[in-house]
PDB file of N, CA and C in Angstrom:
ATOM      1  N   MET A   1       0.873  -1.388  -0.054  1.00  0.00           N
ATOM      2  CA  MET A   1       0.056   0.019  -0.002  1.00  0.00           C
ATOM      3  C   MET A   1       0.989   1.402   0.036  1.00  0.00           C
ATOM      4  N   GLU A   2       0.467   2.025  -0.559  1.00  0.00           N
ATOM      5  CA  GLU A   2       1.406   3.412  -0.755  1.00  0.00           C
ATOM      6  C   GLU A   2       0.453   4.484  -0.042  1.00  0.00           C
ATOM      7  N   LEU A   3       0.901   5.340   0.637  1.00  0.00           N
ATOM      8  CA  LEU A   3       0.709   6.698   1.374  1.00  0.00           C
ATOM      9  C   LEU A   3       0.186   7.706   0.369  1.00  0.00           C
ATOM     10  N   ASN A   4      -0.926   8.314   0.506  1.00  0.00           N
ATOM     11  CA  ASN A   4      -1.302   9.224  -0.523  1.00  0.00           C
ATOM     12  C   ASN A   4      -1.784  10.426   0.334  1.00  0.00           C
ATOM     13  N   LYS A   5      -1.594  11.806  -0.289  1.00  0.00           N
ATOM     14  CA  LYS A   5      -2.071  12.740   0.450  1.00  0.00           C
ATOM     15  C   LYS A   5      -3.181  13.479  -0.452  1.00  0.00           C
ATOM     16  N   ASP A   6      -4.088  13.629   0.052  1.00  0.00           N
ATOM     17  CA  ASP A   6      -5.360  14.420  -0.955  1.00  0.00           C
ATOM     18  C   ASP A   6      -4.906  16.062  -0.942  1.00  0.00           C
ATOM     19  N   ASN A   7      -5.912  16.743  -1.490  1.00  0.00           N
ATOM     20  CA  ASN A   7      -5.665  18.102  -1.764  1.00  0.00           C
ATOM     21  C   ASN A   7      -5.774  18.761  -0.261  1.00  0.00           C
ATOM     22  N   LEU A   8      -6.498  18.049   0.698  1.00  0.00           N
ATOM     23  CA  LEU A   8      -6.585  18.984   1.902  1.00  0.00           C
ATOM     24  C   LEU A   8      -5.704  18.511   3.099  1.00  0.00           C
ATOM     25  N   GLY A   9      -4.476  17.698   2.394  1.00  0.00           N
ATOM     26  CA  GLY A   9      -3.521  17.254   3.482  1.00  0.00           C
ATOM     27  C   GLY A   9      -3.717  16.094   4.159  1.00  0.00           C
ATOM     28  N   PHE A  10      -4.932  15.506   4.050  1.00  0.00           N
ATOM     29  CA  PHE A  10      -5.273  14.181   4.859  1.00  0.00           C
ATOM     30  C   PHE A  10      -4.439  12.984   3.928  1.00  0.00           C
ATOM     31  N   GLU A  11      -4.020  12.173   5.167  1.00  0.00           N
ATOM     32  CA  GLU A  11      -3.231  10.962   4.524  1.00  0.00           C
ATOM     33  C   GLU A  11      -4.223   9.950   4.391  1.00  0.00           C
ATOM     34  N   GLU A  12      -4.018   9.023   3.306  1.00  0.00           N
ATOM     35  CA  GLU A  12      -4.845   7.771   2.973  1.00  0.00           C
ATOM     36  C   GLU A  12      -4.249   6.536   2.498  1.00  0.00           C
ATOM     37  N   ASN A  13      -4.681   5.533   3.016  1.00  0.00           N
ATOM     38  CA  ASN A  13      -3.894   4.322   2.465  1.00  0.00           C
ATOM     39  C   ASN A  13      -4.546   3.756   1.432  1.00  0.00           C
ATOM     40  N   ILE A  14      -4.011   3.740   0.065  1.00  0.00           N
ATOM     41  CA  ILE A  14      -4.561   3.338  -1.014  1.00  0.00           C
ATOM     42  C   ILE A  14      -4.054   2.226  -1.445  1.00  0.00           C
ATOM     43  N   PRO A  15      -4.875   1.172  -1.605  1.00  0.00           N
ATOM     44  CA  PRO A  15      -4.347  -0.283  -1.952  1.00  0.00           C
ATOM     45  C   PRO A  15      -3.832  -0.276  -3.379  1.00  0.00           C
ATOM     46  N   ASP A  16      -2.829  -1.243  -3.656  1.00  0.00           N
ATOM     47  CA  ASP A  16      -2.087  -0.999  -5.041  1.00  0.00           C
ATOM     48  C   ASP A  16      -3.031  -1.921  -5.860  1.00  0.00           C
ATOM     49  N   PRO A  17      -3.759  -1.281  -7.093  1.00  0.00           N
ATOM     50  CA  PRO A  17      -4.523  -2.093  -7.948  1.00  0.00           C
ATOM     51  C   PRO A  17      -4.135  -3.512  -8.477  1.00  0.00           C
ATOM     52  N   ASP A  18      -2.618  -3.604  -8.632  1.00  0.00           N
ATOM     53  CA  ASP A  18      -2.167  -4.838  -9.078  1.00  0.00           C
ATOM     54  C   ASP A  18      -2.219  -6.050  -8.146  1.00  0.00           C
ATOM     55  N   GLU A  19      -2.072  -5.626  -6.927  1.00  0.00           N
ATOM     56  CA  GLU A  19      -2.377  -6.424  -5.781  1.00  0.00           C
ATOM     57  C   GLU A  19      -3.585  -6.805  -5.589  1.00  0.00           C
ATOM     58  N   ILE A  20      -4.492  -6.021  -5.779  1.00  0.00           N
ATOM     59  CA  ILE A  20      -5.987  -6.310  -5.746  1.00  0.00           C
ATOM     60  C   ILE A  20      -6.594  -7.304  -6.547  1.00  0.00           C
ATOM     61  N   ARG A  21      -5.992  -7.077  -7.903  1.00  0.00           N
ATOM     62  CA  ARG A  21      -6.324  -7.862  -9.079  1.00  0.00           C
ATOM     63  C   ARG A  21      -5.765  -9.301  -8.935  1.00  0.00           C
ATOM     64  N   GLU A  22      -4.629  -9.302  -8.374  1.00  0.00           N
ATOM     65  CA  GLU A  22      -4.248 -10.619  -7.909  1.00  0.00           C
ATOM     66  C   GLU A  22      -4.934 -11.314  -6.860  1.00  0.00           C
ATOM     67  N   ARG A  23      -5.270 -10.593  -5.760  1.00  0.00           N
ATOM     68  CA  ARG A  23      -6.140 -11.314  -4.898  1.00  0.00           C
ATOM     69  C   ARG A  23      -7.739 -11.592  -5.309  1.00  0.00           C
ATOM     70  N   TYR A  24      -8.201 -10.831  -5.944  1.00  0.00           N
ATOM     71  CA  TYR A  24      -9.432 -11.195  -6.581  1.00  0.00           C
ATOM     72  C   TYR A  24      -9.583 -10.993  -8.058  1.00  0.00           C
ATOM     73  N   PRO A  25      -9.241 -12.191  -8.410  1.00  0.00           N
ATOM     74  CA  PRO A  25      -9.395 -12.113 -10.027  1.00  0.00           C
ATOM     75  C   PRO A  25     -10.637 -12.123 -10.612  1.00  0.00           C
ATOM     76  N   ILE A  26     -10.926 -11.503 -11.636  1.00  0.00           N
ATOM     77  CA  ILE A  26     -12.247 -11.471 -12.324  1.00  0.00           C
ATOM     78  C   ILE A  26     -12.347 -12.957 -13.125  1.00  0.00           C
ATOM     79  N   GLU A  27     -13.465 -13.588 -13.016  1.00  0.00           N
ATOM     80  CA  GLU A  27     -13.735 -14.736 -13.548  1.00  0.00           C
ATOM     81  C   GLU A  27     -14.261 -14.682 -14.890  1.00  0.00           C
ATOM     82  N   ASP A  28     -13.876 -15.295 -16.005  1.00  0.00           N
ATOM     83  CA  ASP A  28     -14.431 -15.130 -17.325  1.00  0.00           C
ATOM     84  C   ASP A  28     -15.765 -15.858 -17.260  1.00  0.00           C
ATOM     85  N   ASP A  29     -16.561 -15.147 -17.843  1.00  0.00           N
ATOM     86  CA  ASP A  29     -18.056 -15.540 -17.990  1.00  0.00           C
ATOM     87  C   ASP A  29     -18.499 -15.670 -19.437  1.00  0.00           C
ATOM     88  N   SER A  30     -17.554 -15.557 -20.488  1.00  0.00           N
ATOM     89  CA  SER A  30     -17.811 -15.380 -21.707  1.00  0.00           C
ATOM     90  C   SER A  30     -18.770 -16.617 -22.119  1.00  0.00           C
ATOM     91  N   ASP A  31     -18.516 -17.730 -21.662  1.00  0.00           N
ATOM     92  CA  ASP A  31     -19.005 -19.162 -22.051  1.00  0.00           C
ATOM     93  C   ASP A  31     -20.629 -19.188 -21.536  1.00  0.00           C
ATOM     94  N   THR A  32     -20.858 -18.186 -20.562  1.00  0.00           N
ATOM     95  CA  THR A  32     -22.364 -18.346 -20.143  1.00  0.00           C
ATOM     96  C   THR A  32     -23.187 -17.222 -20.786  1.00  0.00           C
ATOM     97  N   LEU A  33     -22.630 -16.248 -21.461  1.00  0.00           N
ATOM     98  CA  LEU A  33     -23.189 -15.077 -22.074  1.00  0.00           C
ATOM     99  C   LEU A  33     -23.912 -15.599 -23.365  1.00  0.00           C
ATOM    100  N   GLU A  34     -25.145 -14.921 -23.482  1.00  0.00           N
ATOM    101  CA  GLU A  34     -25.859 -14.980 -24.652  1.00  0.00           C
ATOM    102  C   GLU A  34     -25.212 -14.584 -25.707  1.00  0.00           C
ATOM    103  N   PRO A  35     -25.402 -15.010 -27.009  1.00  0.00           N
ATOM    104  CA  PRO A  35     -24.677 -14.131 -28.157  1.00  0.00           C
ATOM    105  C   PRO A  35     -25.661 -12.985 -28.544  1.00  0.00           C
ATOM    106  N   PHE A  36     -24.887 -11.908 -28.972  1.00  0.00           N
ATOM    107  CA  PHE A  36     -25.758 -10.719 -29.137  1.00  0.00           C
ATOM    108  C   PHE A  36     -26.521 -10.819 -30.526  1.00  0.00           C
ATOM    109  N   VAL A  37     -25.988 -11.567 -31.575  1.00  0.00           N
ATOM    110  CA  VAL A  37     -26.805 -11.861 -32.776  1.00  0.00           C
ATOM    111  C   VAL A  37     -27.548 -13.247 -32.623  1.00  0.00           C
ATOM    112  N   ASP A  38     -28.663 -12.737 -32.956  1.00  0.00           N
ATOM    113  CA  ASP A  38     -29.731 -13.974 -32.828  1.00  0.00           C
ATOM    114  C   ASP A  38     -30.657 -13.978 -34.250  1.00  0.00           C
ATOM    115  N   GLU A  39     -30.162 -14.877 -35.108  1.00  0.00           N
ATOM    116  CA  GLU A  39     -30.535 -14.805 -36.287  1.00  0.00           C
ATOM    117  C   GLU A  39     -32.174 -15.174 -36.097  1.00  0.00           C
ATOM    118  N   ASN A  40     -32.653 -15.732 -35.417  1.00  0.00           N
ATOM    119  CA  ASN A  40     -34.250 -15.794 -35.171  1.00  0.00           C
ATOM    120  C   ASN A  40     -34.822 -14.572 -34.854  1.00  0.00           C
ATOM    121  N   GLU A  41     -34.078 -13.670 -34.319  1.00  0.00           N
ATOM    122  CA  GLU A  41     -34.858 -12.195 -33.931  1.00  0.00           C
ATOM    123  C   GLU A  41     -35.291 -11.424 -35.044  1.00  0.00           C
ATOM    124  N   CYS A  42     -34.626 -11.824 -36.215  1.00  0.00           N
ATOM    125  CA  CYS A  42     -35.021 -11.269 -37.687  1.00  0.00           C
ATOM    126  C   CYS A  42     -36.541 -11.886 -38.049  1.00  0.00           C
ATOM    127  N   ARG A  43     -36.832 -13.093 -37.723  1.00  0.00           N
ATOM    128  CA  ARG A  43     -38.014 -13.634 -38.121  1.00  0.00           C
ATOM    129  C   ARG A  43     -39.377 -13.027 -37.581  1.00  0.00           C
ATOM    130  N   GLU A  44     -40.181 -13.554 -38.486  1.00  0.00           N
ATOM    131  CA  GLU A  44     -41.542 -12.998 -37.872  1.00  0.00           C
ATOM    132  C   GLU A  44     -42.265 -14.320 -37.979  1.00  0.00           C
ATOM    133  N   ILE A  45     -43.312 -14.389 -37.000  1.00  0.00           N
ATOM    134  CA  ILE A  45     -44.096 -15.530 -36.561  1.00  0.00           C
ATOM    135  C   ILE A  45     -45.090 -15.676 -37.499  1.00  0.00           C
ATOM    136  N   ASN A  46     -45.413 -16.545 -38.266  1.00  0.00           N
ATOM    137  CA  ASN A  46     -46.291 -16.869 -39.311  1.00  0.00           C
ATOM    138  C   ASN A  46     -47.778 -17.197 -38.525  1.00  0.00           C
ATOM    139  N   THR A  47     -48.563 -16.221 -38.482  1.00  0.00           N
ATOM    140  CA  THR A  47     -49.788 -16.620 -37.399  1.00  0.00           C
ATOM    141  C   THR A  47     -50.786 -17.323 -38.289  1.00  0.00           C
ATOM    142  N   TYR A  48     -50.770 -17.497 -39.532  1.00  0.00           N
ATOM    143  CA  TYR A  48     -51.535 -18.270 -40.324  1.00  0.00           C
ATOM    144  C   TYR A  48     -51.113 -19.750 -40.125  1.00  0.00           C
ATOM    145  N   ASP A  49     -49.977 -20.177 -39.504  1.00  0.00           N
ATOM    146  CA  ASP A  49     -49.345 -21.418 -39.327  1.00  0.00           C
ATOM    147  C   ASP A  49     -49.525 -22.039 -38.003  1.00  0.00           C
ATOM    148  N   PRO A  50     -50.458 -22.772 -37.772  1.00  0.00           N
ATOM    149  CA  PRO A  50     -50.521 -22.986 -36.371  1.00  0.00           C
ATOM    150  C   PRO A  50     -49.436 -23.887 -35.685  1.00  0.00           C
ATOM    151  N   GLU A  51     -48.580 -24.603 -36.715  1.00  0.00           N
ATOM    152  CA  GLU A  51     -47.097 -25.121 -36.245  1.00  0.00           C
ATOM    153  C   GLU A  51     -46.231 -24.237 -35.820  1.00  0.00           C
ATOM    154  N   ASP A  52     -46.310 -23.318 -36.357  1.00  0.00           N
ATOM    155  CA  ASP A  52     -45.299 -22.001 -36.412  1.00  0.00           C
ATOM    156  C   ASP A  52     -45.486 -21.300 -34.926  1.00  0.00           C
ATOM    157  N   VAL A  53     -46.794 -21.127 -34.575  1.00  0.00           N
ATOM    158  CA  VAL A  53     -47.225 -20.344 -33.482  1.00  0.00           C
ATOM    159  C   VAL A  53     -47.023 -21.143 -32.350  1.00  0.00           C
ATOM    160  N   ALA A  54     -47.535 -22.758 -32.566  1.00  0.00           N
ATOM    161  CA  ALA A  54     -46.967 -23.587 -31.498  1.00  0.00           C
ATOM    162  C   ALA A  54     -45.594 -23.796 -31.055  1.00  0.00           C
ATOM    163  N   HIS A  55     -44.700 -23.595 -32.037  1.00  0.00           N
ATOM    164  CA  HIS A  55     -43.417 -23.935 -31.977  1.00  0.00           C
ATOM    165  C   HIS A  55     -42.821 -22.646 -31.169  1.00  0.00           C
ATOM    166  N   TRP A  56     -43.026 -21.256 -31.417  1.00  0.00           N
ATOM    167  CA  TRP A  56     -42.806 -20.159 -30.738  1.00  0.00           C
ATOM    168  C   TRP A  56     -43.169 -19.882 -29.315  1.00  0.00           C
ATOM    169  N   ALA A  57     -44.648 -20.380 -29.194  1.00  0.00           N
ATOM    170  CA  ALA A  57     -45.096 -20.608 -27.797  1.00  0.00           C
ATOM    171  C   ALA A  57     -44.241 -21.434 -26.995  1.00  0.00           C
ATOM    172  N   GLN A  58     -43.558 -22.700 -27.481  1.00  0.00           N
ATOM    173  CA  GLN A  58     -42.805 -23.440 -27.016  1.00  0.00           C
ATOM    174  C   GLN A  58     -41.483 -22.839 -26.413  1.00  0.00           C
ATOM    175  N   GLU A  59     -40.991 -22.190 -27.547  1.00  0.00           N
ATOM    176  CA  GLU A  59     -39.749 -21.381 -27.258  1.00  0.00           C
ATOM    177  C   GLU A  59     -39.935 -20.267 -26.326  1.00  0.00           C
ATOM    178  N   PHE A  60     -40.954 -19.668 -26.104  1.00  0.00           N
ATOM    179  CA  PHE A  60     -40.969 -18.688 -25.115  1.00  0.00           C
ATOM    180  C   PHE A  60     -41.674 -19.152 -23.934  1.00  0.00           C
ATOM    181  N   GLN A  61     -42.032 -20.385 -23.904  1.00  0.00           N
ATOM    182  CA  GLN A  61     -42.595 -21.228 -22.743  1.00  0.00           C
ATOM    183  C   GLN A  61     -43.778 -20.489 -22.158  1.00  0.00           C
ATOM    184  N   ILE A  62     -44.688 -20.158 -23.061  1.00  0.00           N
ATOM    185  CA  ILE A  62     -45.852 -19.481 -22.850  1.00  0.00           C
ATOM    186  C   ILE A  62     -47.127 -20.444 -23.553  1.00  0.00           C
ATOM    187  N   SER A  63     -48.065 -20.177 -22.978  1.00  0.00           N
ATOM    188  CA  SER A  63     -49.351 -20.817 -23.997  1.00  0.00           C
ATOM    189  C   SER A  63     -49.517 -20.195 -25.269  1.00  0.00           C
ATOM    190  N   VAL A  64     -50.223 -21.021 -25.996  1.00  0.00           N
ATOM    191  CA  VAL A  64     -50.533 -20.421 -27.531  1.00  0.00           C
ATOM    192  C   VAL A  64     -51.297 -19.299 -27.477  1.00  0.00           C
ATOM    193  N   GLU A  65     -52.214 -19.356 -26.484  1.00  0.00           N
ATOM    194  CA  GLU A  65     -53.250 -17.956 -26.241  1.00  0.00           C
ATOM    195  C   GLU A  65     -52.377 -16.969 -25.885  1.00  0.00           C
ATOM    196  N   ASP A  66     -51.527 -17.059 -25.004  1.00  0.00           N
ATOM    197  CA  ASP A  66     -50.808 -15.907 -24.370  1.00  0.00           C
ATOM    198  C   ASP A  66     -49.875 -15.330 -25.546  1.00  0.00           C
ATOM    199  N   LEU A  67     -49.151 -16.349 -26.692  1.00  0.00           N
ATOM    200  CA  LEU A  67     -48.487 -15.715 -27.543  1.00  0.00           C
ATOM    201  C   LEU A  67     -49.476 -14.889 -28.697  1.00  0.00           C
ATOM    202  N   LYS A  68     -50.595 -15.379 -29.003  1.00  0.00           N
ATOM    203  CA  LYS A  68     -51.476 -14.591 -29.838  1.00  0.00           C
ATOM    204  C   LYS A  68     -51.847 -13.431 -29.260  1.00  0.00           C
ATOM    205  N   SER A  69     -52.040 -13.217 -27.815  1.00  0.00           N
ATOM    206  CA  SER A  69     -52.145 -12.136 -27.073  1.00  0.00           C
ATOM    207  C   SER A  69     -50.871 -11.077 -27.304  1.00  0.00           C
ATOM    208  N   ALA A  70     -49.915 -11.573 -26.983  1.00  0.00           N
ATOM    209  CA  ALA A  70     -48.701 -10.793 -27.442  1.00  0.00           C
ATOM    210  C   ALA A  70     -48.432 -10.337 -28.716  1.00  0.00           C
ATOM    211  N   ILE A  71     -48.832 -11.072 -29.762  1.00  0.00           N
ATOM    212  CA  ILE A  71     -48.866 -10.815 -31.188  1.00  0.00           C
ATOM    213  C   ILE A  71     -49.728  -9.734 -31.592  1.00  0.00           C
ATOM    214  N   VAL A  72     -50.810  -9.702 -30.762  1.00  0.00           N
ATOM    215  CA  VAL A  72     -51.968  -8.727 -31.240  1.00  0.00           C
ATOM    216  C   VAL A  72     -51.428  -7.453 -30.756  1.00  0.00           C
ATOM    217  N   LEU A  73     -50.628  -7.260 -29.449  1.00  0.00           N
ATOM    218  CA  LEU A  73     -50.386  -6.254 -28.867  1.00  0.00           C
ATOM    219  C   LEU A  73     -48.979  -5.600 -29.585  1.00  0.00           C
ATOM    220  N   ASN A  74     -48.232  -6.539 -29.852  1.00  0.00           N
ATOM    221  CA  ASN A  74     -46.698  -5.952 -30.390  1.00  0.00           C
ATOM    222  C   ASN A  74     -46.186  -6.341 -31.844  1.00  0.00           C
ATOM    223  N   GLY A  75     -47.096  -7.107 -32.598  1.00  0.00           N
ATOM    224  CA  GLY A  75     -46.961  -7.382 -33.999  1.00  0.00           C
ATOM    225  C   GLY A  75     -46.326  -9.025 -33.859  1.00  0.00           C
ATOM    226  N   ASN A  76     -45.897  -9.559 -34.943  1.00  0.00           N
ATOM    227  CA  ASN A  76     -45.293 -10.791 -35.002  1.00  0.00           C
ATOM    228  C   ASN A  76     -44.042 -10.999 -35.180  1.00  0.00           C
ATOM    229  N   SER A  77     -43.026  -9.739 -35.068  1.00  0.00           N
ATOM    230  CA  SER A  77     -41.774  -9.936 -34.905  1.00  0.00           C
ATOM    231  C   SER A  77     -41.215 -10.738 -33.833  1.00  0.00           C
ATOM    232  N   VAL A  78     -40.357 -11.685 -33.878  1.00  0.00           N
ATOM    233  CA  VAL A  78     -39.795 -12.574 -32.804  1.00  0.00           C
ATOM    234  C   VAL A  78     -39.123 -11.373 -31.924  1.00  0.00           C
ATOM    235  N   LYS A  79     -38.314 -10.483 -32.231  1.00  0.00           N
ATOM    236  CA  LYS A  79     -37.537  -9.355 -31.588  1.00  0.00           C
ATOM    237  C   LYS A  79     -38.508  -8.768 -30.787  1.00  0.00           C
ATOM    238  N   GLU A  80     -39.542  -8.289 -31.141  1.00  0.00           N
ATOM    239  CA  GLU A  80     -40.530  -7.532 -30.464  1.00  0.00           C
ATOM    240  C   GLU A  80     -41.252  -8.250 -29.466  1.00  0.00           C
ATOM    241  N   ILE A  81     -41.421  -9.589 -29.808  1.00  0.00           N
ATOM    242  CA  ILE A  81     -42.212 -10.540 -28.870  1.00  0.00           C
ATOM    243  C   ILE A  81     -41.170 -10.932 -27.502  1.00  0.00           C
ATOM    244  N   LYS A  82     -39.776 -10.975 -28.061  1.00  0.00           N
ATOM    245  CA  LYS A  82     -38.938 -11.054 -26.907  1.00  0.00           C
ATOM    246  C   LYS A  82     -38.971 -10.041 -25.946  1.00  0.00           C
ATOM    247  N   LYS A  83     -38.920  -8.842 -26.688  1.00  0.00           N
ATOM    248  CA  LYS A  83     -38.856  -7.654 -25.740  1.00  0.00           C
ATOM    249  C   LYS A  83     -39.847  -7.629 -24.838  1.00  0.00           C
ATOM    250  N   TYR A  84     -41.170  -7.782 -25.341  1.00  0.00           N
ATOM    251  CA  TYR A  84     -42.454  -7.617 -24.792  1.00  0.00           C
ATOM    252  C   TYR A  84     -42.268  -8.720 -23.452  1.00  0.00           C
ATOM    253  N   LEU A  85     -41.857  -9.718 -23.704  1.00  0.00           N
ATOM    254  CA  LEU A  85     -41.890 -11.072 -22.703  1.00  0.00           C
ATOM    255  C   LEU A  85     -40.724 -10.611 -21.788  1.00  0.00           C
ATOM    256  N   SER A  86     -39.804  -9.954 -22.325  1.00  0.00           N
ATOM    257  CA  SER A  86     -38.482  -9.736 -21.521  1.00  0.00           C
ATOM    258  C   SER A  86     -37.863 -11.041 -21.417  1.00  0.00           C
ATOM    259  N   VAL A  87     -37.724 -11.797 -22.429  1.00  0.00           N
ATOM    260  CA  VAL A  87     -36.981 -13.028 -22.497  1.00  0.00           C
ATOM    261  C   VAL A  87     -35.483 -12.755 -23.014  1.00  0.00           C
TER     262      VAL A  87
END
């Protein structure tokens, strides 16, 4: 630790940043982060295809009725539905 004086003349012990980094390393969590680019976000849900609606309801883990309600409120863009559901 080094001794540091602030502008008012008070002395303060400031820890060495390298020492702190060694003692408390930051974990790499890049393998657990979701990718930023999701090619499915550019898709639109085909509301005329019951299988497509059922697929996306399962993806979002909601009922088909809830997905249809979300589509009525926000349109059929997967990106907008994700934002609405906060998935």
